[in-house]
Amino acid sequence: MPRRAHVVHREVPPDAKFGSRPLQKFINRVMVDGKKGLAETIVYSALTIVERQAHQNPVDIFDQAMRNVTPVLEVKP
């Protein structure tokens, strides 16, 4: 955090395959030691497995899963 200059927040670009920003944020969280290609391979292979089993759009299933794990009530100390 600089004292004088303003921090410029960069917008996360959407992922290449599905065009989803939350999916790209999730891929960035899965990424370890800068291995983005490996993280994309893991996430995309998991989404293809989900698509084969559920016969639905994998991005919709991913969004529903993210809504299920986010807390409903925010607790402040």
PDB file of N, CA and C in Angstrom:
ATOM      1  N   MET A   1       0.832  -1.172   0.000  1.00  0.00           N
ATOM      2  CA  MET A   1       0.000   0.000   0.000  1.00  0.00           C
ATOM      3  C   MET A   1       0.881   1.242   0.000  1.00  0.00           C
ATOM      4  N   PRO A   2       0.919   1.955  -1.099  1.00  0.00           N
ATOM      5  CA  PRO A   2       1.683   3.197  -1.117  1.00  0.00           C
ATOM      6  C   PRO A   2       0.980   4.273  -0.297  1.00  0.00           C
ATOM      7  N   ARG A   3       1.770   5.180   0.233  1.00  0.00           N
ATOM      8  CA  ARG A   3       1.188   6.234   1.066  1.00  0.00           C
ATOM      9  C   ARG A   3       0.581   7.355   0.235  1.00  0.00           C
ATOM     10  N   ARG A   4       1.181   7.662  -0.898  1.00  0.00           N
ATOM     11  CA  ARG A   4       0.715   8.813  -1.676  1.00  0.00           C
ATOM     12  C   ARG A   4      -0.130   8.417  -2.884  1.00  0.00           C
ATOM     13  N   ALA A   5       0.331   7.464  -3.630  1.00  0.00           N
ATOM     14  CA  ALA A   5      -0.359   7.109  -4.875  1.00  0.00           C
ATOM     15  C   ALA A   5      -1.567   6.227  -4.577  1.00  0.00           C
ATOM     16  N   HIS A   6      -2.523   6.274  -5.483  1.00  0.00           N
ATOM     17  CA  HIS A   6      -3.695   5.423  -5.357  1.00  0.00           C
ATOM     18  C   HIS A   6      -3.382   4.045  -5.929  1.00  0.00           C
ATOM     19  N   VAL A   7      -3.931   3.036  -5.316  1.00  0.00           N
ATOM     20  CA  VAL A   7      -3.735   1.674  -5.783  1.00  0.00           C
ATOM     21  C   VAL A   7      -4.686   1.437  -6.955  1.00  0.00           C
ATOM     22  N   VAL A   8      -4.149   0.992  -8.065  1.00  0.00           N
ATOM     23  CA  VAL A   8      -4.954   0.714  -9.243  1.00  0.00           C
ATOM     24  C   VAL A   8      -5.342  -0.757  -9.205  1.00  0.00           C
ATOM     25  N   HIS A   9      -6.637  -1.017  -9.084  1.00  0.00           N
ATOM     26  CA  HIS A   9      -7.128  -2.382  -9.056  1.00  0.00           C
ATOM     27  C   HIS A   9      -7.376  -2.843 -10.486  1.00  0.00           C
ATOM     28  N   ARG A  10      -6.753  -3.956 -10.829  1.00  0.00           N
ATOM     29  CA  ARG A  10      -6.930  -4.491 -12.178  1.00  0.00           C
ATOM     30  C   ARG A  10      -8.163  -5.383 -12.219  1.00  0.00           C
ATOM     31  N   GLU A  11      -8.887  -5.292 -13.302  1.00  0.00           N
ATOM     32  CA  GLU A  11     -10.057  -6.132 -13.507  1.00  0.00           C
ATOM     33  C   GLU A  11      -9.588  -7.499 -14.014  1.00  0.00           C
ATOM     34  N   VAL A  12     -10.142  -8.564 -13.440  1.00  0.00           N
ATOM     35  CA  VAL A  12      -9.757  -9.914 -13.847  1.00  0.00           C
ATOM     36  C   VAL A  12     -10.402 -10.207 -15.196  1.00  0.00           C
ATOM     37  N   PRO A  13      -9.615 -10.563 -16.202  1.00  0.00           N
ATOM     38  CA  PRO A  13     -10.214 -10.878 -17.509  1.00  0.00           C
ATOM     39  C   PRO A  13     -10.955 -12.216 -17.449  1.00  0.00           C
ATOM     40  N   PRO A  14     -11.988 -12.400 -18.253  1.00  0.00           N
ATOM     41  CA  PRO A  14     -12.707 -13.676 -18.244  1.00  0.00           C
ATOM     42  C   PRO A  14     -11.838 -14.805 -18.793  1.00  0.00           C
ATOM     43  N   ASP A  15     -12.187 -16.026 -18.404  1.00  0.00           N
ATOM     44  CA  ASP A  15     -11.383 -17.158 -18.870  1.00  0.00           C
ATOM     45  C   ASP A  15     -11.602 -17.387 -20.363  1.00  0.00           C
ATOM     46  N   ALA A  16     -10.664 -18.099 -20.965  1.00  0.00           N
ATOM     47  CA  ALA A  16     -10.648 -18.239 -22.419  1.00  0.00           C
ATOM     48  C   ALA A  16     -11.721 -19.189 -22.943  1.00  0.00           C
ATOM     49  N   LYS A  17     -12.058 -20.209 -22.185  1.00  0.00           N
ATOM     50  CA  LYS A  17     -12.949 -21.237 -22.704  1.00  0.00           C
ATOM     51  C   LYS A  17     -14.431 -20.876 -22.542  1.00  0.00           C
ATOM     52  N   PHE A  18     -14.823 -20.384 -21.364  1.00  0.00           N
ATOM     53  CA  PHE A  18     -16.236 -20.124 -21.096  1.00  0.00           C
ATOM     54  C   PHE A  18     -16.573 -18.642 -21.002  1.00  0.00           C
ATOM     55  N   GLY A  19     -15.588 -17.781 -20.837  1.00  0.00           N
ATOM     56  CA  GLY A  19     -15.838 -16.355 -20.739  1.00  0.00           C
ATOM     57  C   GLY A  19     -16.448 -15.926 -19.423  1.00  0.00           C
ATOM     58  N   SER A  20     -16.079 -16.597 -18.334  1.00  0.00           N
ATOM     59  CA  SER A  20     -16.653 -16.321 -17.022  1.00  0.00           C
ATOM     60  C   SER A  20     -15.586 -15.735 -16.102  1.00  0.00           C
ATOM     61  N   ARG A  21     -15.872 -14.582 -15.502  1.00  0.00           N
ATOM     62  CA  ARG A  21     -14.924 -13.961 -14.571  1.00  0.00           C
ATOM     63  C   ARG A  21     -14.810 -14.729 -13.255  1.00  0.00           C
ATOM     64  N   PRO A  22     -15.922 -15.186 -12.644  1.00  0.00           N
ATOM     65  CA  PRO A  22     -15.768 -15.968 -11.399  1.00  0.00           C
ATOM     66  C   PRO A  22     -14.985 -17.260 -11.609  1.00  0.00           C
ATOM     67  N   LEU A  23     -15.135 -17.867 -12.768  1.00  0.00           N
ATOM     68  CA  LEU A  23     -14.380 -19.084 -13.062  1.00  0.00           C
ATOM     69  C   LEU A  23     -12.887 -18.777 -13.164  1.00  0.00           C
ATOM     70  N   GLN A  24     -12.536 -17.627 -13.760  1.00  0.00           N
ATOM     71  CA  GLN A  24     -11.133 -17.235 -13.855  1.00  0.00           C
ATOM     72  C   GLN A  24     -10.567 -16.938 -12.475  1.00  0.00           C
ATOM     73  N   LYS A  25     -11.355 -16.326 -11.591  1.00  0.00           N
ATOM     74  CA  LYS A  25     -10.899 -16.079 -10.223  1.00  0.00           C
ATOM     75  C   LYS A  25     -10.653 -17.402  -9.494  1.00  0.00           C
ATOM     76  N   PHE A  26     -11.524 -18.383  -9.742  1.00  0.00           N
ATOM     77  CA  PHE A  26     -11.351 -19.694  -9.123  1.00  0.00           C
ATOM     78  C   PHE A  26     -10.093 -20.379  -9.651  1.00  0.00           C
ATOM     79  N   ILE A  27      -9.837 -20.274 -10.940  1.00  0.00           N
ATOM     80  CA  ILE A  27      -8.616 -20.845 -11.525  1.00  0.00           C
ATOM     81  C   ILE A  27      -7.385 -20.192 -10.901  1.00  0.00           C
ATOM     82  N   ASN A  28      -7.448 -18.877 -10.685  1.00  0.00           N
ATOM     83  CA  ASN A  28      -6.322 -18.190 -10.054  1.00  0.00           C
ATOM     84  C   ASN A  28      -6.106 -18.657  -8.627  1.00  0.00           C
ATOM     85  N   ARG A  29      -7.165 -19.022  -7.922  1.00  0.00           N
ATOM     86  CA  ARG A  29      -7.031 -19.538  -6.561  1.00  0.00           C
ATOM     87  C   ARG A  29      -6.474 -20.960  -6.548  1.00  0.00           C
ATOM     88  N   VAL A  30      -6.808 -21.737  -7.557  1.00  0.00           N
ATOM     89  CA  VAL A  30      -6.295 -23.106  -7.647  1.00  0.00           C
ATOM     90  C   VAL A  30      -4.815 -23.104  -8.012  1.00  0.00           C
ATOM     91  N   MET A  31      -4.392 -22.072  -8.732  1.00  0.00           N
ATOM     92  CA  MET A  31      -3.017 -21.984  -9.229  1.00  0.00           C
ATOM     93  C   MET A  31      -2.009 -21.965  -8.081  1.00  0.00           C
ATOM     94  N   VAL A  32      -0.959 -22.802  -8.201  1.00  0.00           N
ATOM     95  CA  VAL A  32       0.117 -22.870  -7.214  1.00  0.00           C
ATOM     96  C   VAL A  32       1.435 -22.626  -7.936  1.00  0.00           C
ATOM     97  N   ASP A  33       2.261 -21.756  -7.391  1.00  0.00           N
ATOM     98  CA  ASP A  33       3.589 -21.446  -7.926  1.00  0.00           C
ATOM     99  C   ASP A  33       3.544 -20.937  -9.369  1.00  0.00           C
ATOM    100  N   GLY A  34       2.484 -20.237  -9.744  1.00  0.00           N
ATOM    101  CA  GLY A  34       2.406 -19.657 -11.080  1.00  0.00           C
ATOM    102  C   GLY A  34       2.109 -20.638 -12.192  1.00  0.00           C
ATOM    103  N   LYS A  35       1.684 -21.845 -11.881  1.00  0.00           N
ATOM    104  CA  LYS A  35       1.392 -22.869 -12.894  1.00  0.00           C
ATOM    105  C   LYS A  35      -0.060 -22.736 -13.349  1.00  0.00           C
ATOM    106  N   LYS A  36      -0.330 -21.715 -14.134  1.00  0.00           N
ATOM    107  CA  LYS A  36      -1.694 -21.438 -14.562  1.00  0.00           C
ATOM    108  C   LYS A  36      -2.210 -22.492 -15.538  1.00  0.00           C
ATOM    109  N   GLY A  37      -1.352 -22.997 -16.394  1.00  0.00           N
ATOM    110  CA  GLY A  37      -1.775 -24.028 -17.339  1.00  0.00           C
ATOM    111  C   GLY A  37      -2.245 -25.280 -16.632  1.00  0.00           C
ATOM    112  N   LEU A  38      -1.540 -25.670 -15.590  1.00  0.00           N
ATOM    113  CA  LEU A  38      -1.932 -26.848 -14.817  1.00  0.00           C
ATOM    114  C   LEU A  38      -3.251 -26.598 -14.089  1.00  0.00           C
ATOM    115  N   ALA A  39      -3.416 -25.407 -13.527  1.00  0.00           N
ATOM    116  CA  ALA A  39      -4.659 -25.070 -12.831  1.00  0.00           C
ATOM    117  C   ALA A  39      -5.840 -25.075 -13.800  1.00  0.00           C
ATOM    118  N   GLU A  40      -5.647 -24.537 -15.003  1.00  0.00           N
ATOM    119  CA  GLU A  40      -6.714 -24.554 -16.001  1.00  0.00           C
ATOM    120  C   GLU A  40      -7.053 -25.981 -16.410  1.00  0.00           C
ATOM    121  N   THR A  41      -6.033 -26.816 -16.566  1.00  0.00           N
ATOM    122  CA  THR A  41      -6.281 -28.216 -16.928  1.00  0.00           C
ATOM    123  C   THR A  41      -7.103 -28.916 -15.862  1.00  0.00           C
ATOM    124  N   ILE A  42      -6.782 -28.690 -14.589  1.00  0.00           N
ATOM    125  CA  ILE A  42      -7.511 -29.324 -13.487  1.00  0.00           C
ATOM    126  C   ILE A  42      -8.963 -28.865 -13.468  1.00  0.00           C
ATOM    127  N   VAL A  43      -9.185 -27.565 -13.546  1.00  0.00           N
ATOM    128  CA  VAL A  43     -10.547 -27.023 -13.447  1.00  0.00           C
ATOM    129  C   VAL A  43     -11.371 -27.414 -14.663  1.00  0.00           C
ATOM    130  N   TYR A  44     -10.799 -27.291 -15.857  1.00  0.00           N
ATOM    131  CA  TYR A  44     -11.562 -27.630 -17.065  1.00  0.00           C
ATOM    132  C   TYR A  44     -11.874 -29.123 -17.147  1.00  0.00           C
ATOM    133  N   SER A  45     -10.962 -29.978 -16.694  1.00  0.00           N
ATOM    134  CA  SER A  45     -11.262 -31.412 -16.703  1.00  0.00           C
ATOM    135  C   SER A  45     -12.354 -31.738 -15.689  1.00  0.00           C
ATOM    136  N   ALA A  46     -12.353 -31.051 -14.549  1.00  0.00           N
ATOM    137  CA  ALA A  46     -13.420 -31.258 -13.569  1.00  0.00           C
ATOM    138  C   ALA A  46     -14.761 -30.794 -14.131  1.00  0.00           C
ATOM    139  N   LEU A  47     -14.760 -29.695 -14.867  1.00  0.00           N
ATOM    140  CA  LEU A  47     -16.005 -29.201 -15.461  1.00  0.00           C
ATOM    141  C   LEU A  47     -16.523 -30.120 -16.558  1.00  0.00           C
ATOM    142  N   THR A  48     -15.626 -30.748 -17.318  1.00  0.00           N
ATOM    143  CA  THR A  48     -16.096 -31.704 -18.335  1.00  0.00           C
ATOM    144  C   THR A  48     -16.689 -32.942 -17.682  1.00  0.00           C
ATOM    145  N   ILE A  49     -16.127 -33.377 -16.562  1.00  0.00           N
ATOM    146  CA  ILE A  49     -16.699 -34.521 -15.836  1.00  0.00           C
ATOM    147  C   ILE A  49     -18.087 -34.168 -15.320  1.00  0.00           C
ATOM    148  N   VAL A  50     -18.229 -32.961 -14.775  1.00  0.00           N
ATOM    149  CA  VAL A  50     -19.531 -32.511 -14.272  1.00  0.00           C
ATOM    150  C   VAL A  50     -20.531 -32.420 -15.419  1.00  0.00           C
ATOM    151  N   GLU A  51     -20.088 -31.934 -16.559  1.00  0.00           N
ATOM    152  CA  GLU A  51     -20.986 -31.813 -17.713  1.00  0.00           C
ATOM    153  C   GLU A  51     -21.453 -33.179 -18.193  1.00  0.00           C
ATOM    154  N   ARG A  52     -20.552 -34.157 -18.195  1.00  0.00           N
ATOM    155  CA  ARG A  52     -20.936 -35.504 -18.632  1.00  0.00           C
ATOM    156  C   ARG A  52     -21.932 -36.136 -17.674  1.00  0.00           C
ATOM    157  N   GLN A  53     -21.760 -35.901 -16.375  1.00  0.00           N
ATOM    158  CA  GLN A  53     -22.635 -36.544 -15.395  1.00  0.00           C
ATOM    159  C   GLN A  53     -23.977 -35.840 -15.256  1.00  0.00           C
ATOM    160  N   ALA A  54     -23.987 -34.507 -15.303  1.00  0.00           N
ATOM    161  CA  ALA A  54     -25.217 -33.766 -15.055  1.00  0.00           C
ATOM    162  C   ALA A  54     -25.975 -33.406 -16.329  1.00  0.00           C
ATOM    163  N   HIS A  55     -25.311 -33.457 -17.483  1.00  0.00           N
ATOM    164  CA  HIS A  55     -25.922 -33.098 -18.772  1.00  0.00           C
ATOM    165  C   HIS A  55     -26.485 -31.672 -18.744  1.00  0.00           C
ATOM    166  N   GLN A  56     -25.731 -30.762 -18.102  1.00  0.00           N
ATOM    167  CA  GLN A  56     -26.105 -29.353 -18.042  1.00  0.00           C
ATOM    168  C   GLN A  56     -24.877 -28.509 -18.348  1.00  0.00           C
ATOM    169  N   ASN A  57     -25.102 -27.210 -18.463  1.00  0.00           N
ATOM    170  CA  ASN A  57     -24.001 -26.282 -18.695  1.00  0.00           C
ATOM    171  C   ASN A  57     -23.089 -26.266 -17.460  1.00  0.00           C
ATOM    172  N   PRO A  58     -21.799 -26.546 -17.615  1.00  0.00           N
ATOM    173  CA  PRO A  58     -20.922 -26.625 -16.439  1.00  0.00           C
ATOM    174  C   PRO A  58     -20.725 -25.285 -15.743  1.00  0.00           C
ATOM    175  N   VAL A  59     -20.827 -24.168 -16.462  1.00  0.00           N
ATOM    176  CA  VAL A  59     -20.654 -22.862 -15.822  1.00  0.00           C
ATOM    177  C   VAL A  59     -21.845 -22.558 -14.920  1.00  0.00           C
ATOM    178  N   ASP A  60     -23.048 -22.965 -15.319  1.00  0.00           N
ATOM    179  CA  ASP A  60     -24.220 -22.781 -14.466  1.00  0.00           C
ATOM    180  C   ASP A  60     -24.097 -23.607 -13.187  1.00  0.00           C
ATOM    181  N   ILE A  61     -23.596 -24.820 -13.317  1.00  0.00           N
ATOM    182  CA  ILE A  61     -23.396 -25.674 -12.147  1.00  0.00           C
ATOM    183  C   ILE A  61     -22.322 -25.087 -11.248  1.00  0.00           C
ATOM    184  N   PHE A  62     -21.262 -24.533 -11.846  1.00  0.00           N
ATOM    185  CA  PHE A  62     -20.212 -23.888 -11.060  1.00  0.00           C
ATOM    186  C   PHE A  62     -20.755 -22.678 -10.307  1.00  0.00           C
ATOM    187  N   ASP A  63     -21.565 -21.854 -10.974  1.00  0.00           N
ATOM    188  CA  ASP A  63     -22.153 -20.684 -10.313  1.00  0.00           C
ATOM    189  C   ASP A  63     -23.071 -21.098  -9.163  1.00  0.00           C
ATOM    190  N   GLN A  64     -23.841 -22.142  -9.364  1.00  0.00           N
ATOM    191  CA  GLN A  64     -24.719 -22.642  -8.299  1.00  0.00           C
ATOM    192  C   GLN A  64     -23.900 -23.164  -7.126  1.00  0.00           C
ATOM    193  N   ALA A  65     -22.813 -23.842  -7.406  1.00  0.00           N
ATOM    194  CA  ALA A  65     -21.943 -24.347  -6.334  1.00  0.00           C
ATOM    195  C   ALA A  65     -21.313 -23.198  -5.564  1.00  0.00           C
ATOM    196  N   MET A  66     -20.912 -22.135  -6.263  1.00  0.00           N
ATOM    197  CA  MET A  66     -20.332 -20.984  -5.580  1.00  0.00           C
ATOM    198  C   MET A  66     -21.371 -20.277  -4.713  1.00  0.00           C
ATOM    199  N   ARG A  67     -22.624 -20.217  -5.174  1.00  0.00           N
ATOM    200  CA  ARG A  67     -23.684 -19.629  -4.348  1.00  0.00           C
ATOM    201  C   ARG A  67     -23.949 -20.486  -3.119  1.00  0.00           C
ATOM    202  N   ASN A  68     -23.814 -21.806  -3.246  1.00  0.00           N
ATOM    203  CA  ASN A  68     -24.071 -22.698  -2.115  1.00  0.00           C
ATOM    204  C   ASN A  68     -23.001 -22.576  -1.032  1.00  0.00           C
ATOM    205  N   VAL A  69     -21.767 -22.271  -1.406  1.00  0.00           N
ATOM    206  CA  VAL A  69     -20.702 -22.233  -0.399  1.00  0.00           C
ATOM    207  C   VAL A  69     -20.479 -20.840   0.177  1.00  0.00           C
ATOM    208  N   THR A  70     -21.056 -19.785  -0.408  1.00  0.00           N
ATOM    209  CA  THR A  70     -20.865 -18.454   0.150  1.00  0.00           C
ATOM    210  C   THR A  70     -21.767 -18.295   1.367  1.00  0.00           C
ATOM    211  N   PRO A  71     -21.289 -17.588   2.375  1.00  0.00           N
ATOM    212  CA  PRO A  71     -22.119 -17.406   3.579  1.00  0.00           C
ATOM    213  C   PRO A  71     -23.300 -16.484   3.303  1.00  0.00           C
ATOM    214  N   VAL A  72     -24.415 -16.784   3.947  1.00  0.00           N
ATOM    215  CA  VAL A  72     -25.624 -15.997   3.761  1.00  0.00           C
ATOM    216  C   VAL A  72     -25.594 -14.761   4.661  1.00  0.00           C
ATOM    217  N   LEU A  73     -25.041 -14.917   5.856  1.00  0.00           N
ATOM    218  CA  LEU A  73     -25.020 -13.852   6.839  1.00  0.00           C
ATOM    219  C   LEU A  73     -23.592 -13.450   7.131  1.00  0.00           C
ATOM    220  N   GLU A  74     -23.307 -12.164   7.066  1.00  0.00           N
ATOM    221  CA  GLU A  74     -21.956 -11.678   7.355  1.00  0.00           C
ATOM    222  C   GLU A  74     -21.869 -11.351   8.839  1.00  0.00           C
ATOM    223  N   VAL A  75     -20.858 -11.896   9.513  1.00  0.00           N
ATOM    224  CA  VAL A  75     -20.660 -11.654  10.936  1.00  0.00           C
ATOM    225  C   VAL A  75     -19.461 -10.728  11.093  1.00  0.00           C
ATOM    226  N   LYS A  76     -19.685  -9.599  11.773  1.00  0.00           N
ATOM    227  CA  LYS A  76     -18.597  -8.658  12.011  1.00  0.00           C
ATOM    228  C   LYS A  76     -18.187  -8.719  13.464  1.00  0.00           C
ATOM    229  N   PRO A  77     -16.882  -8.622  13.723  1.00  0.00           N
ATOM    230  CA  PRO A  77     -16.441  -8.676  15.122  1.00  0.00           C
ATOM    231  C   PRO A  77     -16.784  -7.411  15.879  1.00  0.00           C
TER     232      PRO A  77
END
